[in-house]
Amino acid sequence: MTSTTSNAKSYFDIHTSGIGYIQRVREVPVKGGRKAMPFLACTVAALVGPATNPTRRYFDVRVSGAEAKQLVQHYIGIDDSQQRPLVSFRLGDLWVDPFRRLSGDPAASMKARLLKAELLERSALDEMEYYELHTRGIGYLNNPRMIPNGGDPFLSCSIAALAGPVGDPEYRYIETTITDNSAQHLVQRCIQAVESKKKVLLAFTLNDMKAEAYVRTKGERAGEVGGSLKSKLVRVSLIKVDGEKVYPLELEAPVPEDVQASEKTVLAEDDSGAPQPTAAILASVEEPARVASF
C-alpha cells in the first residue's frame, strides 16, 4: 500500500477519461452556516463513438483538481454552445444518481469529480475517427454468463469496482458486455473459479460508460427509482484468484498501462478543502454481501 504523505490515506478509484465539452459551469451553495463554502461544478459532455456521428454521455461533476478549477472557473455563467471549451478530461469517484423527472419518468445521471482537464483546440476533432470513453479500475468479478440475445449470444458479467479508502471501500456495480475477444477468453477462464466461490479480482478497462434507470418492483423499496452503470469490457490486464496472481503469468511482467494510469495520484479536495489522494491500490479488502459468494 502506498501513500503520497505519511498522513495521507490510500484510495481505490475509478478513473474515466476522454474528450468532451464543459458546460453548465456554476458555483453550488452549501448549507452549514457562514463557514460553508460553495463548490465549483459543471457538466462534462463526453464524446463517444464514430467521429461522424458521436454520442454524448453526460457527467455531472464537482471540480476537484486544482488546475481543472483554474480552467473551468473562467466559464461560470457562459453556456453559449459556441463558447463551451473542448477538453481532454479525467474523472474520479464515479457513481450513479437515480431520480424521477418532473414528468414522473425514472431517470439516472452519472456523477463524479473532475480531476484533470486540458483545453483542446476544436480543430483537434478533425483528426479524430473514433472517440473512446475509457474507465479504468479494479474490482471483483460477479456473475459471468452467456446472454442468449435471440440466437446471437454474448458474454456478460458484473464488476464490483472498488472506490474510496482502502480500509473502508465502497463498491460501484457495473454491468458489462464483453466485446473484446481476449477479454472474453480471460473471463471465461474465471467462470469455474467464480462458481467455486473464489474471489476473482480484475484490473479492467471499460468503454462507453452510461447510466440506466429502473423502477424497483420488490421489497420495502418497491416503486422507488434505482440506477445502474453499464459499459463494455474491452480489456482485462490483471487477474488475482483468492489473492494469487494468475494473469499475466510472466515472472517479471510489466505493470499494465491501464493500471499505471489508475494508480497515478491526483490531489483533489474533499468537502473541507483538504487535499485527498485518489489512487487505486491493489490491496486486500473485505467484500460486501454481494461479493462474498466468490
Protein backbone atom coordinates (compact mmCIF):
# COMPACT_ATOMS: atom_id res chain seq x y z
CA MET A 1 0.00 0.00 0.00
CA THR A 2 1.35 3.43 -0.88
CA SER A 3 0.52 7.00 0.05
CA THR A 4 1.61 10.46 -1.00
CA THR A 5 2.43 11.57 2.53
CA SER A 6 2.77 9.84 5.88
CA ASN A 7 -0.68 11.12 6.91
CA ALA A 8 -2.49 10.63 3.59
CA LYS A 9 -4.81 7.71 3.06
CA SER A 10 -4.56 5.44 0.06
CA TYR A 11 -7.60 5.25 -2.15
CA PHE A 12 -9.15 2.97 -4.67
CA ASP A 13 -10.57 4.94 -7.54
CA ILE A 14 -12.39 4.52 -10.82
CA HIS A 15 -10.90 6.82 -13.45
CA THR A 16 -12.83 7.79 -16.58
CA SER A 17 -11.02 9.67 -19.36
CA GLY A 18 -11.99 11.01 -22.75
CA ILE A 19 -12.71 14.13 -24.79
CA GLY A 20 -15.75 16.33 -24.38
CA TYR A 21 -17.24 19.75 -23.75
CA ILE A 22 -17.53 21.63 -20.45
CA GLN A 23 -20.95 23.20 -19.90
CA ARG A 24 -23.25 24.48 -17.13
CA VAL A 25 -20.35 25.79 -15.04
CA ARG A 26 -21.68 27.07 -11.72
CA GLU A 27 -20.98 27.55 -8.04
CA VAL A 28 -23.12 25.34 -5.83
CA PRO A 29 -24.05 26.74 -2.39
CA VAL A 30 -23.52 24.55 0.65
CA LYS A 31 -25.64 24.63 3.80
CA GLY A 32 -23.86 24.85 7.14
CA GLY A 33 -23.56 28.43 8.28
CA ARG A 34 -21.18 31.21 7.36
CA LYS A 35 -18.17 28.92 7.15
CA ALA A 36 -19.78 26.75 4.46
CA MET A 37 -18.09 27.46 1.14
CA PRO A 38 -19.74 26.93 -2.26
CA PHE A 39 -18.04 24.48 -4.62
CA LEU A 40 -17.43 24.60 -8.35
CA ALA A 41 -19.46 22.23 -10.51
CA CYS A 42 -20.10 21.64 -14.20
CA THR A 43 -21.34 19.10 -16.72
CA VAL A 44 -18.93 17.15 -18.90
CA ALA A 45 -20.50 16.16 -22.23
CA ALA A 46 -18.19 13.29 -23.23
CA LEU A 47 -17.97 12.23 -26.86
CA VAL A 48 -18.07 8.53 -27.69
CA GLY A 49 -18.40 6.57 -30.91
CA PRO A 50 -17.64 7.37 -34.57
CA ALA A 51 -16.48 10.93 -35.20
CA THR A 52 -19.07 11.34 -37.96
CA ASN A 53 -21.94 10.78 -35.52
CA PRO A 54 -20.77 10.63 -31.89
CA THR A 55 -22.98 10.01 -28.87
CA ARG A 56 -22.69 12.25 -25.80
CA ARG A 57 -22.51 10.87 -22.28
CA TYR A 58 -23.20 13.46 -19.60
CA PHE A 59 -21.41 13.54 -16.23
CA ASP A 60 -22.48 15.97 -13.51
CA VAL A 61 -19.18 16.68 -11.75
CA ARG A 62 -17.65 18.54 -8.84
CA VAL A 63 -14.44 20.22 -9.95
CA SER A 64 -11.75 18.95 -7.56
CA GLY A 65 -8.37 19.17 -9.30
CA ALA A 66 -6.60 22.49 -8.68
CA GLU A 67 -5.60 23.03 -12.32
CA ALA A 68 -9.06 21.97 -13.50
CA LYS A 69 -10.56 24.63 -11.24
CA GLN A 70 -8.37 27.30 -12.77
CA LEU A 71 -9.54 26.33 -16.25
CA VAL A 72 -13.24 25.79 -15.53
CA GLN A 73 -13.96 28.82 -13.34
CA HIS A 74 -13.46 31.20 -16.28
CA TYR A 75 -16.63 29.78 -17.85
CA ILE A 76 -19.04 30.46 -14.98
CA GLY A 77 -22.26 31.80 -16.46
CA ILE A 78 -21.19 31.14 -20.07
CA ASP A 79 -23.28 28.47 -21.75
CA ASP A 80 -23.22 29.50 -25.39
CA SER A 81 -22.63 26.27 -27.31
CA GLN A 82 -20.04 28.02 -29.47
CA GLN A 83 -18.02 29.08 -26.42
CA ARG A 84 -18.03 25.83 -24.50
CA PRO A 85 -14.44 24.66 -24.01
CA LEU A 86 -13.34 21.38 -25.59
CA VAL A 87 -11.12 19.42 -23.19
CA SER A 88 -9.44 16.13 -22.60
CA PHE A 89 -10.50 15.11 -19.10
CA ARG A 90 -10.07 12.63 -16.31
CA LEU A 91 -12.80 11.92 -13.75
CA GLY A 92 -12.67 10.03 -10.47
CA ASP A 93 -15.16 8.69 -7.90
CA LEU A 94 -17.81 7.69 -10.45
CA TRP A 95 -21.31 6.89 -9.16
CA VAL A 96 -24.91 6.79 -10.39
CA ASP A 97 -27.71 9.02 -9.06
CA PRO A 98 -31.28 7.84 -9.80
CA PHE A 99 -34.21 10.28 -9.71
CA ARG A 100 -37.64 11.00 -11.14
CA ARG A 101 -38.18 13.67 -13.75
CA LEU A 102 -40.93 16.26 -13.27
CA SER A 103 -42.98 14.15 -15.67
CA GLY A 104 -42.67 11.21 -13.23
CA ASP A 105 -40.48 9.17 -15.56
CA PRO A 106 -37.47 7.40 -13.97
CA ALA A 107 -34.02 8.69 -14.86
CA ALA A 108 -30.41 8.34 -13.71
CA SER A 109 -27.35 10.56 -14.04
CA MET A 110 -23.63 9.85 -13.71
CA LYS A 111 -21.72 11.86 -11.13
CA ALA A 112 -18.01 12.15 -10.45
CA ARG A 113 -15.15 14.51 -9.59
CA LEU A 114 -13.29 16.33 -12.33
CA LEU A 115 -9.64 15.70 -11.54
CA LYS A 116 -7.94 16.93 -14.71
CA ALA A 117 -8.95 18.99 -17.73
CA GLU A 118 -6.72 20.16 -20.57
CA LEU A 119 -8.01 22.67 -23.11
CA LEU A 120 -8.06 21.48 -26.74
CA GLU A 121 -8.47 23.37 -30.00
CA ARG A 122 -11.65 22.39 -31.83
CA SER A 123 -9.54 21.68 -34.88
CA ALA A 124 -8.25 18.63 -32.96
CA LEU A 125 -11.60 16.97 -33.70
CA ASP A 126 -10.76 16.95 -37.41
CA GLU A 127 -8.09 14.33 -36.72
CA MET A 128 -10.40 12.01 -34.79
CA GLU A 129 -12.04 8.95 -36.33
CA TYR A 130 -13.49 7.42 -33.17
CA TYR A 131 -14.00 8.75 -29.63
CA GLU A 132 -13.20 6.47 -26.72
CA LEU A 133 -14.61 6.93 -23.21
CA HIS A 134 -12.39 4.69 -21.10
CA THR A 135 -12.99 3.76 -17.46
CA ARG A 136 -10.20 2.01 -15.56
CA GLY A 137 -10.10 0.49 -12.12
CA ILE A 138 -10.04 -2.74 -10.14
CA GLY A 139 -12.92 -4.81 -8.83
CA TYR A 140 -14.41 -8.23 -8.23
CA LEU A 141 -15.89 -10.37 -10.99
CA ASN A 142 -19.55 -11.26 -10.48
CA ASN A 143 -21.96 -13.49 -12.37
CA PRO A 144 -20.19 -14.14 -15.70
CA ARG A 145 -22.84 -15.56 -18.02
CA MET A 146 -23.91 -16.05 -21.63
CA ILE A 147 -26.91 -13.99 -22.74
CA PRO A 148 -28.98 -15.74 -25.47
CA ASN A 149 -29.91 -12.50 -27.30
CA GLY A 150 -32.23 -14.17 -29.82
CA GLY A 151 -29.72 -16.63 -31.23
CA ASP A 152 -26.77 -14.23 -31.16
CA PRO A 153 -25.39 -14.92 -27.66
CA PHE A 154 -22.81 -12.72 -25.94
CA LEU A 155 -20.80 -12.91 -22.72
CA SER A 156 -21.73 -10.57 -19.88
CA CYS A 157 -20.65 -10.02 -16.28
CA SER A 158 -20.96 -7.63 -13.37
CA ILE A 159 -17.93 -5.93 -11.82
CA ALA A 160 -17.96 -4.72 -8.22
CA ALA A 161 -15.48 -1.87 -8.72
CA LEU A 162 -13.63 -0.59 -5.66
CA ALA A 163 -13.83 3.10 -4.70
CA GLY A 164 -12.80 5.08 -1.64
CA PRO A 165 -10.38 4.49 1.26
CA VAL A 166 -8.56 1.16 1.18
CA GLY A 167 -9.63 0.43 4.76
CA ASP A 168 -13.31 1.11 4.09
CA PRO A 169 -14.06 0.98 0.35
CA GLU A 170 -17.37 1.37 -1.40
CA TYR A 171 -18.45 -0.67 -4.40
CA ARG A 172 -19.74 0.53 -7.75
CA TYR A 173 -21.59 -2.26 -9.51
CA ILE A 174 -21.16 -2.10 -13.28
CA GLU A 175 -22.98 -4.38 -15.70
CA THR A 176 -20.76 -5.09 -18.69
CA THR A 177 -20.95 -6.61 -22.14
CA ILE A 178 -17.62 -8.22 -23.06
CA THR A 179 -16.77 -7.11 -26.59
CA ASP A 180 -13.04 -7.90 -26.84
CA ASN A 181 -12.01 -11.44 -27.81
CA SER A 182 -9.08 -11.54 -25.38
CA ALA A 183 -11.23 -10.24 -22.51
CA GLN A 184 -13.89 -12.85 -23.35
CA HIS A 185 -11.31 -15.63 -23.19
CA LEU A 186 -9.97 -14.43 -19.83
CA VAL A 187 -13.40 -14.05 -18.23
CA GLN A 188 -14.44 -17.48 -19.47
CA ARG A 189 -11.34 -18.90 -17.76
CA CYS A 190 -12.59 -17.36 -14.50
CA ILE A 191 -16.09 -18.85 -14.58
CA GLN A 192 -15.07 -22.05 -12.77
CA ALA A 193 -13.32 -20.04 -10.04
CA VAL A 194 -16.41 -17.87 -9.51
CA GLU A 195 -18.67 -20.95 -9.38
CA SER A 196 -16.26 -22.44 -6.81
CA LYS A 197 -16.88 -19.38 -4.61
CA LYS A 198 -13.39 -17.98 -5.07
CA LYS A 199 -12.61 -14.26 -5.08
CA VAL A 200 -11.65 -13.10 -8.57
CA LEU A 201 -10.13 -9.61 -8.70
CA LEU A 202 -9.68 -7.88 -12.08
CA ALA A 203 -7.86 -4.81 -13.32
CA PHE A 204 -10.18 -3.67 -16.09
CA THR A 205 -10.71 -1.17 -18.87
CA LEU A 206 -14.27 -0.34 -19.93
CA ASN A 207 -15.57 1.77 -22.81
CA ASP A 208 -18.74 3.86 -23.23
CA MET A 209 -19.99 4.17 -19.66
CA LYS A 210 -23.66 5.06 -19.30
CA ALA A 211 -26.39 5.16 -16.67
CA GLU A 212 -29.77 3.44 -16.88
CA ALA A 213 -32.77 3.92 -14.62
CA TYR A 214 -35.32 1.35 -13.48
CA VAL A 215 -38.21 1.11 -11.00
CA ARG A 216 -37.84 -1.33 -8.13
CA THR A 217 -40.57 -3.98 -8.07
CA LYS A 218 -39.80 -5.98 -4.90
CA GLY A 219 -39.17 -5.44 -1.21
CA GLU A 220 -39.67 -2.43 1.01
CA ARG A 221 -38.34 -0.09 -1.68
CA ALA A 222 -40.76 -1.25 -4.37
CA GLY A 223 -41.80 1.69 -6.53
CA GLU A 224 -38.58 3.64 -5.92
CA VAL A 225 -36.29 4.60 -8.78
CA GLY A 226 -32.96 2.79 -8.99
CA GLY A 227 -29.99 3.32 -11.27
CA SER A 228 -27.25 1.13 -12.72
CA LEU A 229 -23.97 1.71 -14.54
CA LYS A 230 -23.47 -0.13 -17.82
CA SER A 231 -20.45 -0.37 -20.09
CA LYS A 232 -18.40 -2.57 -22.43
CA LEU A 233 -15.46 -4.56 -21.06
CA VAL A 234 -12.63 -4.10 -23.55
CA ARG A 235 -9.56 -5.20 -21.59
CA VAL A 236 -8.51 -7.29 -18.59
CA SER A 237 -4.90 -6.57 -17.62
CA LEU A 238 -4.61 -8.37 -14.27
CA ILE A 239 -6.40 -11.27 -12.56
CA LYS A 240 -6.00 -12.48 -8.97
CA VAL A 241 -7.84 -15.53 -7.65
CA ASP A 242 -8.02 -15.66 -3.85
CA GLY A 243 -5.15 -13.17 -3.75
CA GLU A 244 -2.86 -15.12 -6.09
CA LYS A 245 -1.98 -13.57 -9.45
CA VAL A 246 -2.94 -15.87 -12.31
CA TYR A 247 -2.68 -13.37 -15.18
CA PRO A 248 -0.30 -12.28 -16.56
CA LEU A 249 1.90 -15.26 -15.80
CA GLU A 250 5.31 -13.72 -16.62
CA LEU A 251 7.69 -13.74 -13.68
CA GLU A 252 8.71 -10.18 -14.39
CA ALA A 253 5.54 -8.95 -16.04
CA PRO A 254 5.45 -5.18 -16.59
CA VAL A 255 2.73 -3.22 -14.82
CA PRO A 256 -0.14 -2.85 -17.31
CA GLU A 257 -0.54 0.62 -18.79
CA ASP A 258 -4.13 1.00 -17.64
CA VAL A 259 -3.22 0.01 -14.07
CA GLN A 260 -0.43 2.60 -14.11
CA ALA A 261 -2.93 5.23 -15.20
CA SER A 262 -5.34 4.42 -12.39
CA GLU A 263 -2.55 4.40 -9.79
CA LYS A 264 -1.39 7.94 -10.55
CA THR A 265 -2.34 10.25 -7.71
CA VAL A 266 -4.21 13.47 -8.39
CA LEU A 267 -4.65 15.75 -5.41
CA ALA A 268 -8.32 16.58 -5.19
CA GLU A 269 -10.10 18.39 -2.39
CA ASP A 270 -12.64 16.94 -0.03
CA ASP A 271 -15.58 18.88 1.42
CA SER A 272 -13.30 20.52 3.98
CA GLY A 273 -10.86 21.76 1.33
CA ALA A 274 -8.10 19.37 2.44
CA PRO A 275 -6.20 17.55 -0.32
CA GLN A 276 -7.00 13.87 -0.72
CA PRO A 277 -5.21 11.33 -2.92
CA THR A 278 -7.23 9.36 -5.44
CA ALA A 279 -5.00 6.39 -6.29
CA ALA A 280 -6.07 2.82 -6.99
CA ILE A 281 -4.14 0.31 -4.89
CA LEU A 282 -4.22 -3.48 -5.20
CA ALA A 283 -4.85 -4.44 -1.60
CA SER A 284 -6.83 -6.92 0.48
CA VAL A 285 -10.29 -5.71 1.44
CA GLU A 286 -13.45 -7.18 2.87
CA GLU A 287 -16.13 -7.90 0.28
CA PRO A 288 -19.78 -6.84 0.71
CA ALA A 289 -22.55 -9.41 0.80
CA ARG A 290 -22.97 -9.40 -2.97
CA VAL A 291 -19.31 -10.25 -3.49
CA ALA A 292 -18.92 -12.70 -0.61
CA SER A 293 -20.24 -15.55 -2.76
CA PHE A 294 -16.86 -15.89 -4.56
